[in-house]
């Protein structure tokens, strides 16, 4: 039993590493997993909702809250971007 337990732990670790490298599995892939990340339809920063057609939308890369639709962002207390 003493030899089996370390072997199981090694195989379990290898399985977790393999799962992290496979795209399409829940919790696997991530930003560096080779799967392109789709941009959210609406980004909210500091209470302002930016739709994809906004001039600043592409510049917002971090620190935003994603929303599926503009109406959802507005219902959360956000306001529409002026530009």
PDB file of N, CA and C in Angstrom:
ATOM      1  N   UNK A   1       0.826  -1.202   0.000  1.00  0.00           N
ATOM      2  CA  UNK A   1       0.000   0.000   0.000  1.00  0.00           C
ATOM      3  C   UNK A   1       0.862   1.253   0.000  1.00  0.00           C
ATOM      4  N   UNK A   2       2.020   1.186   0.633  1.00  0.00           N
ATOM      5  CA  UNK A   2       2.885   2.363   0.693  1.00  0.00           C
ATOM      6  C   UNK A   2       3.391   2.751  -0.689  1.00  0.00           C
ATOM      7  N   UNK A   3       3.575   1.780  -1.581  1.00  0.00           N
ATOM      8  CA  UNK A   3       4.055   2.082  -2.928  1.00  0.00           C
ATOM      9  C   UNK A   3       2.909   2.509  -3.846  1.00  0.00           C
ATOM     10  N   UNK A   4       1.728   2.062  -3.574  1.00  0.00           N
ATOM     11  CA  UNK A   4       0.588   2.363  -4.432  1.00  0.00           C
ATOM     12  C   UNK A   4       0.127   3.811  -4.262  1.00  0.00           C
ATOM     13  N   UNK A   5       0.105   4.272  -3.034  1.00  0.00           N
ATOM     14  CA  UNK A   5      -0.383   5.625  -2.769  1.00  0.00           C
ATOM     15  C   UNK A   5       0.437   6.691  -3.494  1.00  0.00           C
ATOM     16  N   UNK A   6       1.782   6.694  -3.405  1.00  0.00           N
ATOM     17  CA  UNK A   6       2.535   7.697  -4.158  1.00  0.00           C
ATOM     18  C   UNK A   6       2.314   7.593  -5.664  1.00  0.00           C
ATOM     19  N   UNK A   7       2.178   6.367  -6.161  1.00  0.00           N
ATOM     20  CA  UNK A   7       1.944   6.193  -7.595  1.00  0.00           C
ATOM     21  C   UNK A   7       0.589   6.784  -7.990  1.00  0.00           C
ATOM     22  N   UNK A   8      -0.426   6.586  -7.154  1.00  0.00           N
ATOM     23  CA  UNK A   8      -1.738   7.155  -7.442  1.00  0.00           C
ATOM     24  C   UNK A   8      -1.698   8.675  -7.423  1.00  0.00           C
ATOM     25  N   UNK A   9      -0.947   9.223  -6.485  1.00  0.00           N
ATOM     26  CA  UNK A   9      -0.843  10.682  -6.411  1.00  0.00           C
ATOM     27  C   UNK A   9      -0.147  11.242  -7.645  1.00  0.00           C
ATOM     28  N   UNK A  10       0.866  10.547  -8.128  1.00  0.00           N
ATOM     29  CA  UNK A  10       1.568  10.991  -9.329  1.00  0.00           C
ATOM     30  C   UNK A  10       0.623  10.945 -10.523  1.00  0.00           C
ATOM     31  N   UNK A  11      -0.105   9.826 -10.676  1.00  0.00           N
ATOM     32  CA  UNK A  11      -1.031   9.714 -11.790  1.00  0.00           C
ATOM     33  C   UNK A  11      -2.168  10.722 -11.673  1.00  0.00           C
ATOM     34  N   UNK A  12      -2.639  10.969 -10.472  1.00  0.00           N
ATOM     35  CA  UNK A  12      -3.703  11.958 -10.277  1.00  0.00           C
ATOM     36  C   UNK A  12      -3.207  13.347 -10.672  1.00  0.00           C
ATOM     37  N   UNK A  13      -1.994  13.664 -10.315  1.00  0.00           N
ATOM     38  CA  UNK A  13      -1.407  14.952 -10.688  1.00  0.00           C
ATOM     39  C   UNK A  13      -1.252  15.092 -12.188  1.00  0.00           C
ATOM     40  N   UNK A  14      -0.848  14.005 -12.830  1.00  0.00           N
ATOM     41  CA  UNK A  14      -0.697  14.026 -14.284  1.00  0.00           C
ATOM     42  C   UNK A  14      -2.061  14.190 -14.953  1.00  0.00           C
ATOM     43  N   UNK A  15      -3.083  13.572 -14.381  1.00  0.00           N
ATOM     44  CA  UNK A  15      -4.436  13.706 -14.927  1.00  0.00           C
ATOM     45  C   UNK A  15      -4.937  15.133 -14.828  1.00  0.00           C
ATOM     46  N   UNK A  16      -4.659  15.781 -13.706  1.00  0.00           N
ATOM     47  CA  UNK A  16      -5.077  17.174 -13.528  1.00  0.00           C
ATOM     48  C   UNK A  16      -4.340  18.074 -14.514  1.00  0.00           C
ATOM     49  N   UNK A  17      -3.058  17.818 -14.714  1.00  0.00           N
ATOM     50  CA  UNK A  17      -2.280  18.611 -15.658  1.00  0.00           C
ATOM     51  C   UNK A  17      -2.800  18.398 -17.081  1.00  0.00           C
ATOM     52  N   UNK A  18      -3.132  17.159 -17.411  1.00  0.00           N
ATOM     53  CA  UNK A  18      -3.667  16.865 -18.727  1.00  0.00           C
ATOM     54  C   UNK A  18      -5.019  17.550 -18.923  1.00  0.00           C
ATOM     55  N   UNK A  19      -5.865  17.510 -17.916  1.00  0.00           N
ATOM     56  CA  UNK A  19      -7.183  18.139 -18.010  1.00  0.00           C
ATOM     57  C   UNK A  19      -7.051  19.642 -18.216  1.00  0.00           C
ATOM     58  N   UNK A  20      -6.069  20.269 -17.588  1.00  0.00           N
ATOM     59  CA  UNK A  20      -5.871  21.708 -17.750  1.00  0.00           C
ATOM     60  C   UNK A  20      -5.427  22.052 -19.160  1.00  0.00           C
ATOM     61  N   UNK A  21      -4.778  21.123 -19.847  1.00  0.00           N
ATOM     62  CA  UNK A  21      -4.273  21.420 -21.180  1.00  0.00           C
ATOM     63  C   UNK A  21      -5.293  21.132 -22.275  1.00  0.00           C
ATOM     64  N   UNK A  22      -6.395  20.459 -21.955  1.00  0.00           N
ATOM     65  CA  UNK A  22      -7.397  20.123 -22.954  1.00  0.00           C
ATOM     66  C   UNK A  22      -8.478  21.198 -23.029  1.00  0.00           C
ATOM     67  N   UNK A  23      -8.670  21.796 -24.198  1.00  0.00           N
ATOM     68  CA  UNK A  23      -9.747  22.781 -24.334  1.00  0.00           C
ATOM     69  C   UNK A  23     -11.101  22.092 -24.347  1.00  0.00           C
ATOM     70  N   UNK A  24     -12.120  22.824 -23.935  1.00  0.00           N
ATOM     71  CA  UNK A  24     -13.471  22.304 -23.982  1.00  0.00           C
ATOM     72  C   UNK A  24     -13.931  21.649 -22.699  1.00  0.00           C
ATOM     73  N   UNK A  25     -13.037  21.391 -21.766  1.00  0.00           N
ATOM     74  CA  UNK A  25     -13.439  20.816 -20.491  1.00  0.00           C
ATOM     75  C   UNK A  25     -13.733  21.939 -19.517  1.00  0.00           C
ATOM     76  N   UNK A  26     -14.715  21.785 -18.638  1.00  0.00           N
ATOM     77  CA  UNK A  26     -14.998  22.835 -17.663  1.00  0.00           C
ATOM     78  C   UNK A  26     -13.764  23.122 -16.818  1.00  0.00           C
ATOM     79  N   UNK A  27     -13.396  24.392 -16.724  1.00  0.00           N
ATOM     80  CA  UNK A  27     -12.244  24.787 -15.920  1.00  0.00           C
ATOM     81  C   UNK A  27     -10.926  24.593 -16.623  1.00  0.00           C
ATOM     82  N   UNK A  28     -10.929  24.094 -17.836  1.00  0.00           N
ATOM     83  CA  UNK A  28      -9.689  23.870 -18.566  1.00  0.00           C
ATOM     84  C   UNK A  28      -9.478  24.976 -19.579  1.00  0.00           C
ATOM     85  N   UNK A  29      -8.295  25.040 -20.103  1.00  0.00           N
ATOM     86  CA  UNK A  29      -7.996  26.010 -21.152  1.00  0.00           C
ATOM     87  C   UNK A  29      -7.600  27.346 -20.576  1.00  0.00           C
ATOM     88  N   UNK A  30      -8.532  28.147 -20.197  1.00  0.00           N
ATOM     89  CA  UNK A  30      -8.243  29.471 -19.666  1.00  0.00           C
ATOM     90  C   UNK A  30      -7.685  30.376 -20.740  1.00  0.00           C
ATOM     91  N   UNK A  31      -7.174  31.545 -20.368  1.00  0.00           N
ATOM     92  CA  UNK A  31      -6.680  32.497 -21.343  1.00  0.00           C
ATOM     93  C   UNK A  31      -5.514  31.963 -22.165  1.00  0.00           C
ATOM     94  N   UNK A  32      -4.653  31.137 -21.575  1.00  0.00           N
ATOM     95  CA  UNK A  32      -3.499  30.635 -22.307  1.00  0.00           C
ATOM     96  C   UNK A  32      -3.723  29.212 -22.799  1.00  0.00           C
ATOM     97  N   UNK A  33      -4.952  28.728 -22.794  1.00  0.00           N
ATOM     98  CA  UNK A  33      -5.237  27.362 -23.178  1.00  0.00           C
ATOM     99  C   UNK A  33      -5.372  27.150 -24.674  1.00  0.00           C
ATOM    100  N   UNK A  34      -5.133  28.171 -25.485  1.00  0.00           N
ATOM    101  CA  UNK A  34      -5.198  28.018 -26.913  1.00  0.00           C
ATOM    102  C   UNK A  34      -6.594  28.205 -27.484  1.00  0.00           C
ATOM    103  N   UNK A  35      -7.594  28.385 -26.650  1.00  0.00           N
ATOM    104  CA  UNK A  35      -8.954  28.605 -27.118  1.00  0.00           C
ATOM    105  C   UNK A  35      -9.188  30.109 -27.180  1.00  0.00           C
ATOM    106  N   UNK A  36      -9.511  30.647 -28.365  1.00  0.00           N
ATOM    107  CA  UNK A  36      -9.728  32.095 -28.443  1.00  0.00           C
ATOM    108  C   UNK A  36     -10.910  32.509 -27.582  1.00  0.00           C
ATOM    109  N   UNK A  37     -10.728  33.569 -26.841  1.00  0.00           N
ATOM    110  CA  UNK A  37     -11.773  34.077 -25.963  1.00  0.00           C
ATOM    111  C   UNK A  37     -12.622  35.089 -26.726  1.00  0.00           C
ATOM    112  N   UNK A  38     -13.934  34.902 -26.713  1.00  0.00           N
ATOM    113  CA  UNK A  38     -14.847  35.820 -27.376  1.00  0.00           C
ATOM    114  C   UNK A  38     -15.091  37.019 -26.463  1.00  0.00           C
ATOM    115  N   UNK A  39     -15.057  38.193 -27.024  1.00  0.00           N
ATOM    116  CA  UNK A  39     -15.285  39.405 -26.239  1.00  0.00           C
ATOM    117  C   UNK A  39     -16.744  39.467 -25.810  1.00  0.00           C
ATOM    118  N   UNK A  40     -17.008  39.939 -24.595  1.00  0.00           N
ATOM    119  CA  UNK A  40     -18.398  40.056 -24.146  1.00  0.00           C
ATOM    120  C   UNK A  40     -19.114  41.137 -24.951  1.00  0.00           C
ATOM    121  N   UNK A  41     -20.407  40.980 -25.155  1.00  0.00           N
ATOM    122  CA  UNK A  41     -21.159  41.969 -25.942  1.00  0.00           C
ATOM    123  C   UNK A  41     -21.185  43.367 -25.333  1.00  0.00           C
ATOM    124  N   UNK A  42     -21.199  43.469 -24.015  1.00  0.00           N
ATOM    125  CA  UNK A  42     -21.236  44.776 -23.351  1.00  0.00           C
ATOM    126  C   UNK A  42     -20.255  44.746 -22.184  1.00  0.00           C
ATOM    127  N   UNK A  43     -19.487  45.824 -22.031  1.00  0.00           N
ATOM    128  CA  UNK A  43     -18.526  45.932 -20.935  1.00  0.00           C
ATOM    129  C   UNK A  43     -18.921  47.108 -20.049  1.00  0.00           C
ATOM    130  N   UNK A  44     -18.928  46.879 -18.724  1.00  0.00           N
ATOM    131  CA  UNK A  44     -19.272  47.942 -17.788  1.00  0.00           C
ATOM    132  C   UNK A  44     -18.036  48.282 -16.960  1.00  0.00           C
ATOM    133  N   UNK A  45     -17.668  49.557 -16.992  1.00  0.00           N
ATOM    134  CA  UNK A  45     -16.522  50.055 -16.226  1.00  0.00           C
ATOM    135  C   UNK A  45     -16.957  51.311 -15.492  1.00  0.00           C
ATOM    136  N   UNK A  46     -16.769  51.334 -14.187  1.00  0.00           N
ATOM    137  CA  UNK A  46     -17.110  52.500 -13.359  1.00  0.00           C
ATOM    138  C   UNK A  46     -18.540  52.992 -13.606  1.00  0.00           C
ATOM    139  N   UNK A  47     -19.464  52.054 -13.783  1.00  0.00           N
ATOM    140  CA  UNK A  47     -20.866  52.406 -13.931  1.00  0.00           C
ATOM    141  C   UNK A  47     -21.287  52.824 -15.330  1.00  0.00           C
ATOM    142  N   UNK A  48     -20.371  52.744 -16.302  1.00  0.00           N
ATOM    143  CA  UNK A  48     -20.693  53.120 -17.682  1.00  0.00           C
ATOM    144  C   UNK A  48     -20.697  51.859 -18.538  1.00  0.00           C
ATOM    145  N   UNK A  49     -21.754  51.679 -19.336  1.00  0.00           N
ATOM    146  CA  UNK A  49     -21.905  50.508 -20.198  1.00  0.00           C
ATOM    147  C   UNK A  49     -21.414  50.837 -21.601  1.00  0.00           C
ATOM    148  N   UNK A  50     -20.481  50.029 -22.100  1.00  0.00           N
ATOM    149  CA  UNK A  50     -19.902  50.241 -23.420  1.00  0.00           C
ATOM    150  C   UNK A  50     -20.308  49.109 -24.364  1.00  0.00           C
ATOM    151  N   UNK A  51     -21.143  49.402 -25.369  1.00  0.00           N
ATOM    152  CA  UNK A  51     -21.478  48.381 -26.361  1.00  0.00           C
ATOM    153  C   UNK A  51     -20.323  48.264 -27.369  1.00  0.00           C
ATOM    154  N   UNK A  52     -20.294  47.197 -28.176  1.00  0.00           N
ATOM    155  CA  UNK A  52     -19.192  47.009 -29.130  1.00  0.00           C
ATOM    156  C   UNK A  52     -19.015  48.155 -30.123  1.00  0.00           C
ATOM    157  N   UNK A  53     -20.073  48.878 -30.443  1.00  0.00           N
ATOM    158  CA  UNK A  53     -19.944  49.983 -31.399  1.00  0.00           C
ATOM    159  C   UNK A  53     -19.384  51.264 -30.766  1.00  0.00           C
ATOM    160  N   UNK A  54     -19.168  51.266 -29.459  1.00  0.00           N
ATOM    161  CA  UNK A  54     -18.594  52.414 -28.765  1.00  0.00           C
ATOM    162  C   UNK A  54     -17.136  52.608 -29.184  1.00  0.00           C
ATOM    163  N   UNK A  55     -16.694  53.868 -29.235  1.00  0.00           N
ATOM    164  CA  UNK A  55     -15.317  54.183 -29.623  1.00  0.00           C
ATOM    165  C   UNK A  55     -14.294  53.602 -28.632  1.00  0.00           C
ATOM    166  N   UNK A  56     -14.652  53.505 -27.368  1.00  0.00           N
ATOM    167  CA  UNK A  56     -13.700  53.050 -26.352  1.00  0.00           C
ATOM    168  C   UNK A  56     -13.770  51.549 -26.084  1.00  0.00           C
ATOM    169  N   UNK A  57     -14.704  50.848 -26.684  1.00  0.00           N
ATOM    170  CA  UNK A  57     -14.928  49.429 -26.394  1.00  0.00           C
ATOM    171  C   UNK A  57     -13.655  48.592 -26.534  1.00  0.00           C
ATOM    172  N   UNK A  58     -12.935  48.752 -27.629  1.00  0.00           N
ATOM    173  CA  UNK A  58     -11.741  47.935 -27.868  1.00  0.00           C
ATOM    174  C   UNK A  58     -10.603  48.272 -26.916  1.00  0.00           C
ATOM    175  N   UNK A  59     -10.588  49.457 -26.376  1.00  0.00           N
ATOM    176  CA  UNK A  59      -9.520  49.853 -25.443  1.00  0.00           C
ATOM    177  C   UNK A  59      -9.703  49.273 -24.050  1.00  0.00           C
ATOM    178  N   UNK A  60     -10.914  48.858 -23.720  1.00  0.00           N
ATOM    179  CA  UNK A  60     -11.199  48.294 -22.402  1.00  0.00           C
ATOM    180  C   UNK A  60     -10.812  46.816 -22.420  1.00  0.00           C
ATOM    181  N   UNK A  61      -9.726  46.492 -21.756  1.00  0.00           N
ATOM    182  CA  UNK A  61      -9.252  45.108 -21.769  1.00  0.00           C
ATOM    183  C   UNK A  61      -9.280  44.450 -20.398  1.00  0.00           C
ATOM    184  N   UNK A  62      -9.272  45.224 -19.331  1.00  0.00           N
ATOM    185  CA  UNK A  62      -9.297  44.653 -17.984  1.00  0.00           C
ATOM    186  C   UNK A  62     -10.179  45.497 -17.076  1.00  0.00           C
ATOM    187  N   UNK A  63     -10.603  44.916 -15.980  1.00  0.00           N
ATOM    188  CA  UNK A  63     -11.346  45.644 -14.960  1.00  0.00           C
ATOM    189  C   UNK A  63     -12.791  45.931 -15.319  1.00  0.00           C
ATOM    190  N   UNK A  64     -13.357  45.204 -16.251  1.00  0.00           N
ATOM    191  CA  UNK A  64     -14.747  45.446 -16.634  1.00  0.00           C
ATOM    192  C   UNK A  64     -15.623  44.298 -16.169  1.00  0.00           C
ATOM    193  N   UNK A  65     -16.923  44.571 -16.130  1.00  0.00           N
ATOM    194  CA  UNK A  65     -17.920  43.547 -15.821  1.00  0.00           C
ATOM    195  C   UNK A  65     -18.630  43.230 -17.133  1.00  0.00           C
ATOM    196  N   UNK A  66     -18.597  41.973 -17.582  1.00  0.00           N
ATOM    197  CA  UNK A  66     -19.241  41.636 -18.855  1.00  0.00           C
ATOM    198  C   UNK A  66     -20.756  41.451 -18.715  1.00  0.00           C
ATOM    199  N   UNK A  67     -21.483  41.831 -19.742  1.00  0.00           N
ATOM    200  CA  UNK A  67     -22.927  41.645 -19.800  1.00  0.00           C
ATOM    201  C   UNK A  67     -23.289  41.093 -21.179  1.00  0.00           C
ATOM    202  N   UNK A  68     -24.342  40.292 -21.224  1.00  0.00           N
ATOM    203  CA  UNK A  68     -24.791  39.697 -22.477  1.00  0.00           C
ATOM    204  C   UNK A  68     -25.498  40.735 -23.346  1.00  0.00           C
ATOM    205  N   UNK A  69     -26.242  41.628 -22.733  1.00  0.00           N
ATOM    206  CA  UNK A  69     -27.000  42.634 -23.486  1.00  0.00           C
ATOM    207  C   UNK A  69     -26.910  43.992 -22.800  1.00  0.00           C
ATOM    208  N   UNK A  70     -27.081  45.037 -23.579  1.00  0.00           N
ATOM    209  CA  UNK A  70     -27.030  46.401 -23.056  1.00  0.00           C
ATOM    210  C   UNK A  70     -28.100  46.610 -21.987  1.00  0.00           C
ATOM    211  N   UNK A  71     -29.275  46.050 -22.197  1.00  0.00           N
ATOM    212  CA  UNK A  71     -30.370  46.218 -21.240  1.00  0.00           C
ATOM    213  C   UNK A  71     -29.995  45.640 -19.879  1.00  0.00           C
ATOM    214  N   UNK A  72     -29.264  44.533 -19.869  1.00  0.00           N
ATOM    215  CA  UNK A  72     -28.824  43.932 -18.606  1.00  0.00           C
ATOM    216  C   UNK A  72     -27.857  44.857 -17.875  1.00  0.00           C
ATOM    217  N   UNK A  73     -26.968  45.485 -18.627  1.00  0.00           N
ATOM    218  CA  UNK A  73     -26.008  46.417 -18.029  1.00  0.00           C
ATOM    219  C   UNK A  73     -26.736  47.625 -17.447  1.00  0.00           C
ATOM    220  N   UNK A  74     -27.692  48.148 -18.182  1.00  0.00           N
ATOM    221  CA  UNK A  74     -28.456  49.302 -17.711  1.00  0.00           C
ATOM    222  C   UNK A  74     -29.286  48.956 -16.480  1.00  0.00           C
ATOM    223  N   UNK A  75     -29.883  47.751 -16.460  1.00  0.00           N
ATOM    224  CA  UNK A  75     -30.670  47.318 -15.298  1.00  0.00           C
ATOM    225  C   UNK A  75     -29.817  47.152 -14.053  1.00  0.00           C
ATOM    226  N   UNK A  76     -28.505  46.914 -14.249  1.00  0.00           N
ATOM    227  CA  UNK A  76     -27.616  46.744 -13.095  1.00  0.00           C
ATOM    228  C   UNK A  76     -27.193  48.084 -12.500  1.00  0.00           C
ATOM    229  N   UNK A  77     -27.702  49.180 -13.079  1.00  0.00           N
ATOM    230  CA  UNK A  77     -27.369  50.494 -12.545  1.00  0.00           C
ATOM    231  C   UNK A  77     -26.395  51.268 -13.404  1.00  0.00           C
ATOM    232  N   UNK A  78     -25.983  50.716 -14.528  1.00  0.00           N
ATOM    233  CA  UNK A  78     -25.063  51.398 -15.417  1.00  0.00           C
ATOM    234  C   UNK A  78     -25.779  52.419 -16.287  1.00  0.00           C
ATOM    235  N   UNK A  79     -24.991  53.307 -16.883  1.00  0.00           N
ATOM    236  CA  UNK A  79     -25.516  54.291 -17.820  1.00  0.00           C
ATOM    237  C   UNK A  79     -24.835  54.075 -19.166  1.00  0.00           C
ATOM    238  N   UNK A  80     -25.520  54.437 -20.255  1.00  0.00           N
ATOM    239  CA  UNK A  80     -24.962  54.249 -21.590  1.00  0.00           C
ATOM    240  C   UNK A  80     -23.806  55.207 -21.814  1.00  0.00           C
ATOM    241  N   UNK A  81     -22.777  54.723 -22.512  1.00  0.00           N
ATOM    242  CA  UNK A  81     -21.631  55.566 -22.857  1.00  0.00           C
ATOM    243  C   UNK A  81     -22.074  56.648 -23.837  1.00  0.00           C
ATOM    244  N   UNK A  82     -21.504  57.845 -23.687  1.00  0.00           N
ATOM    245  CA  UNK A  82     -21.878  58.959 -24.563  1.00  0.00           C
ATOM    246  C   UNK A  82     -21.190  58.885 -25.906  1.00  0.00           C
ATOM    247  N   UNK A  83     -20.014  58.226 -25.958  1.00  0.00           N
ATOM    248  CA  UNK A  83     -19.342  58.114 -27.252  1.00  0.00           C
ATOM    249  C   UNK A  83     -19.094  56.688 -27.605  1.00  0.00           C
TER     250      UNK A  83
END
